[in-house]
C-alpha atoms as a PDB file:
ATOM      1  CA  MET A   1      74.812 142.341  92.365  1.00  0.00           C
ATOM      2  CA  ASP A   2      78.684 142.905  92.446  1.00  0.00           C
ATOM      3  CA  LEU A   3      81.078 140.232  91.266  1.00  0.00           C
ATOM      4  CA  LYS A   4      82.251 139.329  94.818  1.00  0.00           C
ATOM      5  CA  HIS A   5      78.658 138.365  95.825  1.00  0.00           C
ATOM      6  CA  LYS A   6      77.926 136.651  92.801  1.00  0.00           C
ATOM      7  CA  LEU A   7      80.941 134.538  93.084  1.00  0.00           C
ATOM      8  CA  GLU A   8      80.453 133.322  96.698  1.00  0.00           C
ATOM      9  CA  ILE A   9      77.217 133.607  98.803  1.00  0.00           C
ATOM     10  CA  ILE A  10      78.420 133.023 102.464  1.00  0.00           C
ATOM     11  CA  ASP A  11      75.962 130.457 104.066  1.00  0.00           C
ATOM     12  CA  PHE A  12      76.476 127.684 106.587  1.00  0.00           C
ATOM     13  CA  CYS A  13      76.951 123.743 106.036  1.00  0.00           C
ATOM     14  CA  TYR A  14      74.352 123.071 108.571  1.00  0.00           C
ATOM     15  CA  GLU A  15      71.656 126.072 108.963  1.00  0.00           C
ATOM     16  CA  TYR A  16      70.348 125.116 112.198  1.00  0.00           C
ATOM     17  CA  LEU A  17      73.397 123.871 114.105  1.00  0.00           C
ATOM     18  CA  ASN A  18      75.419 125.880 116.358  1.00  0.00           C
ATOM     19  CA  GLY A  19      79.039 125.790 115.525  1.00  0.00           C
ATOM     20  CA  SER A  20      78.596 124.979 111.913  1.00  0.00           C
ATOM     21  CA  CYS A  21      81.232 125.666 109.257  1.00  0.00           C
ATOM     22  CA  PRO A  22      80.566 128.703 106.737  1.00  0.00           C
ATOM     23  CA  LYS A  23      79.636 127.288 103.326  1.00  0.00           C
ATOM     24  CA  HIS A  24      80.821 129.158 100.141  1.00  0.00           C
ATOM     25  CA  VAL A  25      78.062 128.491  97.481  1.00  0.00           C
ATOM     26  CA  TYR A  26      79.432 128.714  94.006  1.00  0.00           C
ATOM     27  CA  PRO A  27      77.104 129.584  91.261  1.00  0.00           C
ATOM     28  CA  LEU A  28      75.924 126.792  88.812  1.00  0.00           C
ATOM     29  CA  VAL A  29      77.966 128.258  86.030  1.00  0.00           C
ATOM     30  CA  LEU A  30      81.218 127.438  88.046  1.00  0.00           C
ATOM     31  CA  ARG A  31      80.098 124.116  89.723  1.00  0.00           C
ATOM     32  CA  VAL A  32      79.216 122.317  86.704  1.00  0.00           C
ATOM     33  CA  PRO A  33      82.564 122.946  85.045  1.00  0.00           C
ATOM     34  CA  LEU A  34      84.375 122.031  88.619  1.00  0.00           C
ATOM     35  CA  TYR A  35      82.345 118.787  88.691  1.00  0.00           C
ATOM     36  CA  LEU A  36      82.958 117.984  84.955  1.00  0.00           C
ATOM     37  CA  PHE A  37      86.929 118.740  85.349  1.00  0.00           C
ATOM     38  CA  PHE A  38      87.305 116.892  88.767  1.00  0.00           C
ATOM     39  CA  GLY A  39      85.286 113.968  87.402  1.00  0.00           C
ATOM     40  CA  SER A  40      87.388 113.637  84.332  1.00  0.00           C
ATOM     41  CA  VAL A  41      90.435 113.576  86.432  1.00  0.00           C
ATOM     42  CA  VAL A  42      88.969 110.709  88.734  1.00  0.00           C
ATOM     43  CA  ILE A  43      87.869 108.724  85.661  1.00  0.00           C
ATOM     44  CA  LEU A  44      91.206 109.086  83.935  1.00  0.00           C
ATOM     45  CA  THR A  45      93.118 108.216  87.111  1.00  0.00           C
ATOM     46  CA  VAL A  46      91.110 105.075  87.983  1.00  0.00           C
ATOM     47  CA  PHE A  47      90.990 103.586  84.367  1.00  0.00           C
ATOM     48  CA  GLY A  48      94.545 104.668  83.295  1.00  0.00           C
ATOM     49  CA  ASN A  49      95.795 102.786  86.584  1.00  0.00           C
ATOM     50  CA  ILE A  50      93.593  99.846  86.072  1.00  0.00           C
ATOM     51  CA  PHE A  51      95.050  99.404  82.684  1.00  0.00           C
ATOM     52  CA  VAL A  52      98.594  99.482  84.184  1.00  0.00           C
ATOM     53  CA  ILE A  53      97.681  96.867  86.961  1.00  0.00           C
ATOM     54  CA  VAL A  54      95.898  94.592  84.301  1.00  0.00           C
ATOM     55  CA  ILE A  55      98.926  94.846  81.810  1.00  0.00           C
ATOM     56  CA  ILE A  56     101.594  93.954  84.566  1.00  0.00           C
ATOM     57  CA  ALA A  57      99.728  91.263  86.095  1.00  0.00           C
ATOM     58  CA  HIS A  58      98.512  89.647  82.881  1.00  0.00           C
ATOM     59  CA  PHE A  59     101.613  89.564  80.725  1.00  0.00           C
ATOM     60  CA  LYS A  60     104.196  87.143  81.815  1.00  0.00           C
ATOM     61  CA  GLN A  61     107.037  88.847  80.068  1.00  0.00           C
ATOM     62  CA  LEU A  62     106.518  91.715  82.438  1.00  0.00           C
ATOM     63  CA  HIS A  63     106.806  89.719  85.570  1.00  0.00           C
ATOM     64  CA  MET A  64     110.101  91.386  86.711  1.00  0.00           C
ATOM     65  CA  PRO A  65     111.230  93.066  89.771  1.00  0.00           C
ATOM     66  CA  THR A  66     111.000  96.751  88.346  1.00  0.00           C
ATOM     67  CA  ASN A  67     107.634  96.193  86.970  1.00  0.00           C
ATOM     68  CA  PHE A  68     106.317  94.750  90.332  1.00  0.00           C
ATOM     69  CA  LEU A  69     107.449  97.966  91.964  1.00  0.00           C
ATOM     70  CA  VAL A  70     105.538  99.865  89.141  1.00  0.00           C
ATOM     71  CA  LEU A  71     102.671  97.921  89.855  1.00  0.00           C
ATOM     72  CA  SER A  72     102.692  98.889  93.611  1.00  0.00           C
ATOM     73  CA  LEU A  73     102.832 102.525  92.608  1.00  0.00           C
ATOM     74  CA  ALA A  74     100.086 101.907  90.346  1.00  0.00           C
ATOM     75  CA  VAL A  75      97.867 100.547  93.018  1.00  0.00           C
ATOM     76  CA  THR A  76      98.605 103.661  95.092  1.00  0.00           C
ATOM     77  CA  ASP A  77      97.452 105.750  92.336  1.00  0.00           C
ATOM     78  CA  LEU A  78      94.306 103.780  91.667  1.00  0.00           C
ATOM     79  CA  LEU A  79      93.446 103.910  95.460  1.00  0.00           C
ATOM     80  CA  LEU A  80      93.885 107.696  95.334  1.00  0.00           C
ATOM     81  CA  GLY A  81      91.598 108.026  92.319  1.00  0.00           C
ATOM     82  CA  ALA A  82      89.161 105.559  93.780  1.00  0.00           C
ATOM     83  CA  LEU A  83      89.000 106.263  97.373  1.00  0.00           C
ATOM     84  CA  PHE A  84      90.401 109.672  98.128  1.00  0.00           C
ATOM     85  CA  MET A  85      89.476 111.801  95.108  1.00  0.00           C
ATOM     86  CA  PRO A  86      85.611 111.450  94.902  1.00  0.00           C
ATOM     87  CA  PRO A  87      84.919 112.733  98.651  1.00  0.00           C
ATOM     88  CA  LEU A  88      87.503 115.583  97.953  1.00  0.00           C
ATOM     89  CA  MET A  89      85.767 116.478  94.793  1.00  0.00           C
ATOM     90  CA  VAL A  90      82.352 116.870  96.562  1.00  0.00           C
ATOM     91  CA  GLN A  91      84.180 118.883  99.475  1.00  0.00           C
ATOM     92  CA  SER A  92      86.023 121.243  96.844  1.00  0.00           C
ATOM     93  CA  VAL A  93      82.853 122.050  94.992  1.00  0.00           C
ATOM     94  CA  GLU A  94      80.462 122.108  97.842  1.00  0.00           C
ATOM     95  CA  THR A  95      83.032 123.477 100.526  1.00  0.00           C
ATOM     96  CA  CYS A  96      81.536 121.277 103.131  1.00  0.00           C
ATOM     97  CA  TRP A  97      82.108 117.974 104.412  1.00  0.00           C
ATOM     98  CA  TYR A  98      78.840 115.889 104.858  1.00  0.00           C
ATOM     99  CA  LEU A  99      80.441 112.439 105.573  1.00  0.00           C
ATOM    100  CA  GLY A 100      81.003 112.662 109.459  1.00  0.00           C
ATOM    101  CA  THR A 101      83.849 113.030 111.693  1.00  0.00           C
ATOM    102  CA  VAL A 102      85.127 109.293 111.703  1.00  0.00           C
ATOM    103  CA  PHE A 103      85.215 109.078 107.935  1.00  0.00           C
ATOM    104  CA  CYS A 104      86.777 112.326 107.797  1.00  0.00           C
ATOM    105  CA  LYS A 105      89.697 110.816 109.881  1.00  0.00           C
ATOM    106  CA  ILE A 106      89.904 107.976 107.729  1.00  0.00           C
ATOM    107  CA  HIS A 107      89.876 110.206 104.553  1.00  0.00           C
ATOM    108  CA  SER A 108      92.870 112.200 105.905  1.00  0.00           C
ATOM    109  CA  SER A 109      94.646 108.902 107.109  1.00  0.00           C
ATOM    110  CA  VAL A 110      94.294 107.368 103.530  1.00  0.00           C
ATOM    111  CA  ALA A 111      95.856 110.731 102.114  1.00  0.00           C
ATOM    112  CA  ILE A 112      98.901 110.581 104.163  1.00  0.00           C
ATOM    113  CA  MET A 113      99.224 106.685 103.666  1.00  0.00           C
ATOM    114  CA  LEU A 114      99.026 106.867  99.946  1.00  0.00           C
ATOM    115  CA  SER A 115     101.280 109.915  99.657  1.00  0.00           C
ATOM    116  CA  THR A 116     103.783 108.220 101.798  1.00  0.00           C
ATOM    117  CA  ALA A 117     103.336 105.036  99.748  1.00  0.00           C
ATOM    118  CA  SER A 118     104.012 106.801  96.504  1.00  0.00           C
ATOM    119  CA  ILE A 119     107.309 108.330  97.658  1.00  0.00           C
ATOM    120  CA  ILE A 120     108.510 104.969  99.203  1.00  0.00           C
ATOM    121  CA  ASN A 121     107.535 103.028  95.941  1.00  0.00           C
ATOM    122  CA  LEU A 122     109.570 105.740  93.995  1.00  0.00           C
ATOM    123  CA  SER A 123     112.530 105.281  96.388  1.00  0.00           C
ATOM    124  CA  PHE A 124     112.511 101.629  95.947  1.00  0.00           C
ATOM    125  CA  ILE A 125     112.276 102.017  92.090  1.00  0.00           C
ATOM    126  CA  SER A 126     115.285 104.369  92.100  1.00  0.00           C
ATOM    127  CA  ILE A 127     117.342 101.719  94.117  1.00  0.00           C
ATOM    128  CA  ASP A 128     116.205  99.103  91.531  1.00  0.00           C
ATOM    129  CA  ARG A 129     117.394 101.397  88.658  1.00  0.00           C
ATOM    130  CA  TYR A 130     120.626 102.215  90.592  1.00  0.00           C
ATOM    131  CA  TYR A 131     121.581  98.420  90.654  1.00  0.00           C
ATOM    132  CA  ALA A 132     120.354  97.808  86.970  1.00  0.00           C
ATOM    133  CA  VAL A 133     122.498 100.547  85.635  1.00  0.00           C
ATOM    134  CA  CYS A 134     125.359 101.080  87.802  1.00  0.00           C
ATOM    135  CA  HIS A 135     125.951  97.357  88.990  1.00  0.00           C
ATOM    136  CA  PRO A 136     124.334  95.180  86.231  1.00  0.00           C
ATOM    137  CA  LEU A 137     126.317  92.103  87.103  1.00  0.00           C
ATOM    138  CA  LEU A 138     125.076  92.401  90.671  1.00  0.00           C
ATOM    139  CA  TYR A 139     121.378  93.365  89.777  1.00  0.00           C
ATOM    140  CA  HIS A 140     120.028  89.689  89.381  1.00  0.00           C
ATOM    141  CA  SER A 141     121.532  88.615  92.758  1.00  0.00           C
ATOM    142  CA  LYS A 142     120.560  91.782  94.720  1.00  0.00           C
ATOM    143  CA  ILE A 143     117.061  92.644  93.211  1.00  0.00           C
ATOM    144  CA  THR A 144     115.307  89.319  93.249  1.00  0.00           C
ATOM    145  CA  SER A 145     111.449  88.789  93.284  1.00  0.00           C
ATOM    146  CA  SER A 146     111.583  88.206  97.114  1.00  0.00           C
ATOM    147  CA  VAL A 147     113.661  91.396  97.844  1.00  0.00           C
ATOM    148  CA  THR A 148     110.927  93.186  95.762  1.00  0.00           C
ATOM    149  CA  VAL A 149     108.130  91.565  97.752  1.00  0.00           C
ATOM    150  CA  ILE A 150     109.938  92.654 101.105  1.00  0.00           C
ATOM    151  CA  MET A 151     110.152  96.123  99.439  1.00  0.00           C
ATOM    152  CA  ILE A 152     106.456  96.119  98.854  1.00  0.00           C
ATOM    153  CA  VAL A 153     105.494  94.920 102.131  1.00  0.00           C
ATOM    154  CA  ILE A 154     107.727  97.583 104.008  1.00  0.00           C
ATOM    155  CA  CYS A 155     106.297 100.287 101.653  1.00  0.00           C
ATOM    156  CA  TRP A 156     102.700  99.468 102.524  1.00  0.00           C
ATOM    157  CA  SER A 157     103.117  98.628 106.190  1.00  0.00           C
ATOM    158  CA  VAL A 158     105.095 101.863 106.988  1.00  0.00           C
ATOM    159  CA  SER A 159     102.595 103.966 105.020  1.00  0.00           C
ATOM    160  CA  ALA A 160      99.615 102.555 106.812  1.00  0.00           C
ATOM    161  CA  ALA A 161     101.269 103.019 110.233  1.00  0.00           C
ATOM    162  CA  VAL A 162     102.458 106.633 109.439  1.00  0.00           C
ATOM    163  CA  GLY A 163      98.974 107.598 107.679  1.00  0.00           C
ATOM    164  CA  PHE A 164      96.726 106.253 110.352  1.00  0.00           C
ATOM    165  CA  GLY A 165      99.095 106.996 113.458  1.00  0.00           C
ATOM    166  CA  ILE A 166      99.452 110.589 112.682  1.00  0.00           C
ATOM    167  CA  ILE A 167      95.748 111.169 112.508  1.00  0.00           C
ATOM    168  CA  PHE A 168      94.274 108.680 115.013  1.00  0.00           C
ATOM    169  CA  VAL A 169      96.694 109.355 117.629  1.00  0.00           C
ATOM    170  CA  GLU A 170      96.571 113.107 116.979  1.00  0.00           C
ATOM    171  CA  LEU A 171     100.132 113.750 116.446  1.00  0.00           C
ATOM    172  CA  ASN A 172      99.346 116.384 113.795  1.00  0.00           C
ATOM    173  CA  ILE A 173      97.727 118.729 116.552  1.00  0.00           C
ATOM    174  CA  LEU A 174     100.234 117.951 119.258  1.00  0.00           C
ATOM    175  CA  GLY A 175     100.866 121.071 121.202  1.00  0.00           C
ATOM    176  CA  VAL A 176      98.121 123.065 119.653  1.00  0.00           C
ATOM    177  CA  GLU A 177      95.002 120.988 120.787  1.00  0.00           C
ATOM    178  CA  GLU A 178      93.459 124.120 122.358  1.00  0.00           C
ATOM    179  CA  PHE A 179      93.774 126.353 119.386  1.00  0.00           C
ATOM    180  CA  TYR A 180      92.565 123.367 117.136  1.00  0.00           C
ATOM    181  CA  TYR A 181      89.457 122.725 118.856  1.00  0.00           C
ATOM    182  CA  GLU A 182      88.683 126.348 119.563  1.00  0.00           C
ATOM    183  CA  ASN A 183      89.251 127.993 116.206  1.00  0.00           C
ATOM    184  CA  ILE A 184      89.418 125.071 113.613  1.00  0.00           C
ATOM    185  CA  VAL A 185      86.792 122.561 114.366  1.00  0.00           C
ATOM    186  CA  CYS A 186      83.464 123.069 113.123  1.00  0.00           C
ATOM    187  CA  GLU A 187      80.348 121.023 111.896  1.00  0.00           C
ATOM    188  CA  GLY A 188      80.720 120.143 108.264  1.00  0.00           C
ATOM    189  CA  GLY A 189      84.457 120.644 107.909  1.00  0.00           C
ATOM    190  CA  CYS A 190      87.223 118.220 107.343  1.00  0.00           C
ATOM    191  CA  VAL A 191      90.557 119.952 107.391  1.00  0.00           C
ATOM    192  CA  MET A 192      93.934 118.060 107.754  1.00  0.00           C
ATOM    193  CA  PHE A 193      95.272 120.621 110.239  1.00  0.00           C
ATOM    194  CA  GLN A 194      98.869 120.366 111.261  1.00  0.00           C
ATOM    195  CA  SER A 195     100.986 122.171 113.820  1.00  0.00           C
ATOM    196  CA  ALA A 196     104.250 123.864 112.808  1.00  0.00           C
ATOM    197  CA  ALA A 197     106.347 120.810 114.255  1.00  0.00           C
ATOM    198  CA  SER A 198     103.897 118.151 112.410  1.00  0.00           C
ATOM    199  CA  SER A 199     103.850 119.953 109.163  1.00  0.00           C
ATOM    200  CA  THR A 200     107.669 120.410 109.181  1.00  0.00           C
ATOM    201  CA  ALA A 201     108.592 116.939 110.481  1.00  0.00           C
ATOM    202  CA  SER A 202     106.027 115.207 108.027  1.00  0.00           C
ATOM    203  CA  SER A 203     107.010 117.117 105.032  1.00  0.00           C
ATOM    204  CA  VAL A 204     110.862 116.516 105.564  1.00  0.00           C
ATOM    205  CA  ILE A 205     110.493 112.972 106.210  1.00  0.00           C
ATOM    206  CA  SER A 206     107.814 112.102 103.550  1.00  0.00           C
ATOM    207  CA  PHE A 207     108.956 114.398 100.769  1.00  0.00           C
ATOM    208  CA  TYR A 208     112.015 116.611 101.098  1.00  0.00           C
ATOM    209  CA  ILE A 209     114.476 113.886 102.302  1.00  0.00           C
ATOM    210  CA  PRO A 210     113.402 111.053  99.881  1.00  0.00           C
ATOM    211  CA  GLY A 211     113.318 113.721  97.105  1.00  0.00           C
ATOM    212  CA  VAL A 212     116.701 114.701  97.512  1.00  0.00           C
ATOM    213  CA  VAL A 213     118.005 111.156  97.946  1.00  0.00           C
ATOM    214  CA  MET A 214     116.090 110.097  94.684  1.00  0.00           C
ATOM    215  CA  LEU A 215     117.275 112.945  92.765  1.00  0.00           C
ATOM    216  CA  SER A 216     120.955 112.440  93.782  1.00  0.00           C
ATOM    217  CA  ILE A 217     120.435 108.609  92.772  1.00  0.00           C
ATOM    218  CA  TYR A 218     119.070 109.512  89.418  1.00  0.00           C
ATOM    219  CA  ILE A 219     122.008 111.929  88.797  1.00  0.00           C
ATOM    220  CA  LYS A 220     124.484 109.310  89.630  1.00  0.00           C
ATOM    221  CA  ILE A 221     122.667 106.835  87.293  1.00  0.00           C
ATOM    222  CA  PHE A 222     122.811 109.204  84.393  1.00  0.00           C
ATOM    223  CA  HIS A 223     126.528 109.802  84.811  1.00  0.00           C
ATOM    224  CA  VAL A 224     127.085 106.124  84.814  1.00  0.00           C
ATOM    225  CA  ALA A 225     124.840 105.600  81.747  1.00  0.00           C
ATOM    226  CA  GLN A 226     126.668 108.210  79.999  1.00  0.00           C
ATOM    227  CA  LYS A 227     130.112 106.660  80.665  1.00  0.00           C
ATOM    228  CA  GLN A 228     128.757 103.146  79.709  1.00  0.00           C
ATOM    229  CA  ALA A 229     127.346 104.646  76.431  1.00  0.00           C
ATOM    230  CA  LYS A 230     130.819 106.111  75.451  1.00  0.00           C
ATOM    231  CA  SER A 231     132.620 102.688  76.321  1.00  0.00           C
ATOM    232  CA  ILE A 232     130.262 100.856  74.218  1.00  0.00           C
ATOM    233  CA  GLN A 233     130.930 103.354  71.231  1.00  0.00           C
ATOM    234  CA  HIS A 234     134.581 102.599  71.667  1.00  0.00           C
ATOM    235  CA  SER A 235     134.288  98.955  71.925  1.00  0.00           C
ATOM    236  CA  LYS A 236     133.921  96.971  68.733  1.00  0.00           C
ATOM    237  CA  CYS A 237     132.939  93.542  70.176  1.00  0.00           C
ATOM    238  CA  LYS A 238     129.444  93.706  71.556  1.00  0.00           C
ATOM    239  CA  SER A 239     126.722  91.286  70.851  1.00  0.00           C
ATOM    240  CA  ASN A 240     123.258  92.149  69.649  1.00  0.00           C
ATOM    241  CA  ILE A 241     121.592  90.582  72.786  1.00  0.00           C
ATOM    242  CA  LYS A 242     123.334  92.875  75.121  1.00  0.00           C
ATOM    243  CA  SER A 243     122.636  95.992  73.068  1.00  0.00           C
ATOM    244  CA  VAL A 244     118.932  95.087  73.150  1.00  0.00           C
ATOM    245  CA  LEU A 245     119.005  94.424  76.868  1.00  0.00           C
ATOM    246  CA  SER A 246     120.747  97.611  77.526  1.00  0.00           C
ATOM    247  CA  LYS A 247     118.381  99.544  75.451  1.00  0.00           C
ATOM    248  CA  GLU A 248     115.402  98.223  77.311  1.00  0.00           C
ATOM    249  CA  GLU A 249     117.149  98.989  80.686  1.00  0.00           C
ATOM    250  CA  LYS A 250     117.879 102.587  79.354  1.00  0.00           C
ATOM    251  CA  LYS A 251     114.257 103.066  78.309  1.00  0.00           C
ATOM    252  CA  ALA A 252     112.916 102.001  81.711  1.00  0.00           C
ATOM    253  CA  THR A 253     115.407 104.125  83.587  1.00  0.00           C
ATOM    254  CA  LYS A 254     114.609 107.192  81.474  1.00  0.00           C
ATOM    255  CA  THR A 255     110.717 106.582  81.779  1.00  0.00           C
ATOM    256  CA  LEU A 256     110.911 106.099  85.465  1.00  0.00           C
ATOM    257  CA  ALA A 257     113.154 109.314  85.803  1.00  0.00           C
ATOM    258  CA  VAL A 258     110.426 111.007  84.098  1.00  0.00           C
ATOM    259  CA  VAL A 259     107.654 109.628  86.471  1.00  0.00           C
ATOM    260  CA  LEU A 260     109.933 110.608  89.455  1.00  0.00           C
ATOM    261  CA  GLY A 261     110.198 114.204  87.932  1.00  0.00           C
ATOM    262  CA  VAL A 262     106.456 114.523  87.400  1.00  0.00           C
ATOM    263  CA  PHE A 263     106.031 113.596  90.976  1.00  0.00           C
ATOM    264  CA  LEU A 264     108.523 116.016  92.420  1.00  0.00           C
ATOM    265  CA  SER A 265     107.299 118.909  90.358  1.00  0.00           C
ATOM    266  CA  LEU A 266     103.624 118.462  90.856  1.00  0.00           C
ATOM    267  CA  SER A 267     103.952 117.728  94.685  1.00  0.00           C
ATOM    268  CA  ALA A 268     106.633 120.296  95.561  1.00  0.00           C
ATOM    269  CA  PRO A 269     104.082 123.301  95.452  1.00  0.00           C
ATOM    270  CA  PHE A 270     101.796 121.705  98.029  1.00  0.00           C
ATOM    271  CA  PHE A 271     104.619 120.634 100.395  1.00  0.00           C
ATOM    272  CA  ILE A 272     106.091 124.180 100.162  1.00  0.00           C
ATOM    273  CA  ALA A 273     102.752 125.546 101.309  1.00  0.00           C
ATOM    274  CA  ASN A 274     102.177 122.786 103.775  1.00  0.00           C
ATOM    275  CA  VAL A 275     105.506 123.822 105.610  1.00  0.00           C
ATOM    276  CA  MET A 276     105.126 127.559 105.391  1.00  0.00           C
ATOM    277  CA  ASN A 277     101.465 127.799 106.594  1.00  0.00           C
ATOM    278  CA  PRO A 278     101.874 127.168 110.283  1.00  0.00           C
ATOM    279  CA  TYR A 279     104.730 129.692 110.253  1.00  0.00           C
ATOM    280  CA  ILE A 280     102.630 132.567 108.545  1.00  0.00           C
ATOM    281  CA  GLY A 281      99.639 132.172 111.014  1.00  0.00           C
ATOM    282  CA  TYR A 282      97.817 129.700 108.581  1.00  0.00           C
ATOM    283  CA  ALA A 283      97.408 132.655 106.228  1.00  0.00           C
ATOM    284  CA  VAL A 284      97.460 130.569 103.072  1.00  0.00           C
ATOM    285  CA  PRO A 285      93.860 130.490 101.657  1.00  0.00           C
ATOM    286  CA  PRO A 286      92.065 127.065 102.047  1.00  0.00           C
ATOM    287  CA  VAL A 287      91.114 127.415  98.324  1.00  0.00           C
ATOM    288  CA  LEU A 288      94.857 127.639  97.423  1.00  0.00           C
ATOM    289  CA  ILE A 289      95.704 124.615  99.493  1.00  0.00           C
ATOM    290  CA  ASP A 290      93.022 122.811  97.940  1.00  0.00           C
ATOM    291  CA  MET A 291      94.124 123.651  94.474  1.00  0.00           C
ATOM    292  CA  LEU A 292      97.717 122.663  95.369  1.00  0.00           C
ATOM    293  CA  ALA A 293      96.544 119.265  96.746  1.00  0.00           C
ATOM    294  CA  TRP A 294      94.651 118.592  93.494  1.00  0.00           C
ATOM    295  CA  ILE A 295      97.848 119.506  91.327  1.00  0.00           C
ATOM    296  CA  GLY A 296      99.834 117.119  93.569  1.00  0.00           C
ATOM    297  CA  LEU A 297      96.967 114.376  93.128  1.00  0.00           C
ATOM    298  CA  MET A 298      97.167 114.756  89.200  1.00  0.00           C
ATOM    299  CA  ASN A 299     100.467 112.892  89.511  1.00  0.00           C
ATOM    300  CA  SER A 300      98.496 109.788  89.755  1.00  0.00           C
ATOM    301  CA  THR A 301      96.721 110.648  86.636  1.00  0.00           C
ATOM    302  CA  CYS A 302      99.821 111.416  84.796  1.00  0.00           C
ATOM    303  CA  ASN A 303     101.663 108.141  85.466  1.00  0.00           C
ATOM    304  CA  PRO A 304      99.779 105.936  82.981  1.00  0.00           C
ATOM    305  CA  ILE A 305     100.114 108.655  80.251  1.00  0.00           C
ATOM    306  CA  VAL A 306     103.885 108.790  80.913  1.00  0.00           C
ATOM    307  CA  TYR A 307     103.971 104.917  80.498  1.00  0.00           C
ATOM    308  CA  ALA A 308     101.804 105.125  77.180  1.00  0.00           C
ATOM    309  CA  PHE A 309     104.043 107.855  75.871  1.00  0.00           C
ATOM    310  CA  PHE A 310     107.342 106.173  76.641  1.00  0.00           C
ATOM    311  CA  TYR A 311     106.840 102.408  76.360  1.00  0.00           C
ATOM    312  CA  LYS A 312     105.983 100.867  72.948  1.00  0.00           C
ATOM    313  CA  TRP A 313     105.099  97.547  74.966  1.00  0.00           C
ATOM    314  CA  PHE A 314     102.482  99.356  76.955  1.00  0.00           C
ATOM    315  CA  ARG A 315     100.691 100.703  73.887  1.00  0.00           C
ATOM    316  CA  LYS A 316     100.784  97.155  72.273  1.00  0.00           C
ATOM    317  CA  ALA A 317      99.354  95.658  75.664  1.00  0.00           C
ATOM    318  CA  PHE A 318      96.832  98.546  75.649  1.00  0.00           C
ATOM    319  CA  ARG A 319      95.634  97.433  72.140  1.00  0.00           C
ATOM    320  CA  ILE A 320      95.534  93.956  73.174  1.00  0.00           C
ATOM    321  CA  ILE A 321      93.130  94.574  76.011  1.00  0.00           C
ATOM    322  CA  ILE A 322      91.028  96.974  74.043  1.00  0.00           C
ATOM    323  CA  SER A 323      90.633  94.487  71.094  1.00  0.00           C
ATOM    324  CA  GLY A 324      89.626  91.787  73.630  1.00  0.00           C
ATOM    325  CA  GLN A 325      92.646  89.477  72.514  1.00  0.00           C
ATOM    326  CA  ILE A 326      93.501  89.293  76.219  1.00  0.00           C
ATOM    327  CA  PHE A 327      90.606  86.848  76.676  1.00  0.00           C
ATOM    328  CA  GLN A 328      92.102  84.509  74.103  1.00  0.00           C
ATOM    329  CA  PRO A 329      94.041  81.398  75.477  1.00  0.00           C
ATOM    330  CA  GLY A 330      97.627  81.854  75.758  1.00  0.00           C
ATOM    331  CA  SER A 331      97.451  85.703  75.577  1.00  0.00           C
ATOM    332  CA  SER A 332      99.482  86.173  78.807  1.00  0.00           C
ATOM    333  CA  ARG A 333     102.427  84.733  76.785  1.00  0.00           C
ATOM    334  CA  ILE A 334     102.183  87.248  74.052  1.00  0.00           C
ATOM    335  CA  HIS A 335     105.665  88.827  73.380  1.00  0.00           C
ATOM    336  CA  LEU A 336     105.286  92.616  73.869  1.00  0.00           C
ATOM    337  CA  PHE A 337     109.054  93.272  73.243  1.00  0.00           C
ATOM    338  CA  SER A 338     111.642  90.916  71.819  1.00  0.00           C
ATOM    339  CA  HIS A 339     114.548  89.740  73.970  1.00  0.00           C
END
């Protein structure tokens, strides 16, 4: 048997059903490592983000606007790991969708909703950092807890409307319905198909514009931070409290810039392919689209790792949870970093 036939045996998702999708049966040697890899990604994503949520919710010292936005981002990442990744894992390995049409629509809607929520959360985090670094005297009056709550409500309501609206109102196939129902739809398939207009508009609104805006804000922040660092060096009279606070703000800004960088670099390949695909007659192989989607999703796995790598207080809180100290009375008031 030659290599091509060994790698994929073309079969059908539903053997005895007309209009069934073709199925690519991967040999066991390939399926087991794939399940182990995707399964590890799911477990890391779910547990990593549960730790972030528990840490921020439990420790009173972390109850501040920036961290509420980070908490909202961690909820997005947790939902991606718990709701979206497991069915996608089975579909990626089995190459068929066995969960029905309605659940396929919900699954696609959840994907759009959560990727939109990620980018809006990151946008609000960049606005928070802008005020913290560029206008520190205005920060506490502009970015209050109630403003943060409004930001989070806007983020989730807009994301839900976009995610479920596009799929259930069928905006993604507007103008190409005939082509979609004749050439794409088959039993056992669940493809997030988009027309040229839909893929361009959704990618520009959900990724390119926010991405460029956020990058511009962070470039501005780092210019201001450099100027501040120089002026602090020249100034002899600075109190210790101010230097500790500015050190914490700097650390938070740097870490969240890394989170943004990871998000943009892991998501960009998928969004480039997503825009190109309709214009080149959907020539991008589904396996490649699938692979790029997983690379983008792994951003949700990376965020807790970034916090653990950059934040000492995160590592300290993690040790407190693992050792069971979190169940002791008064543990929520433990000081994770000194003011």
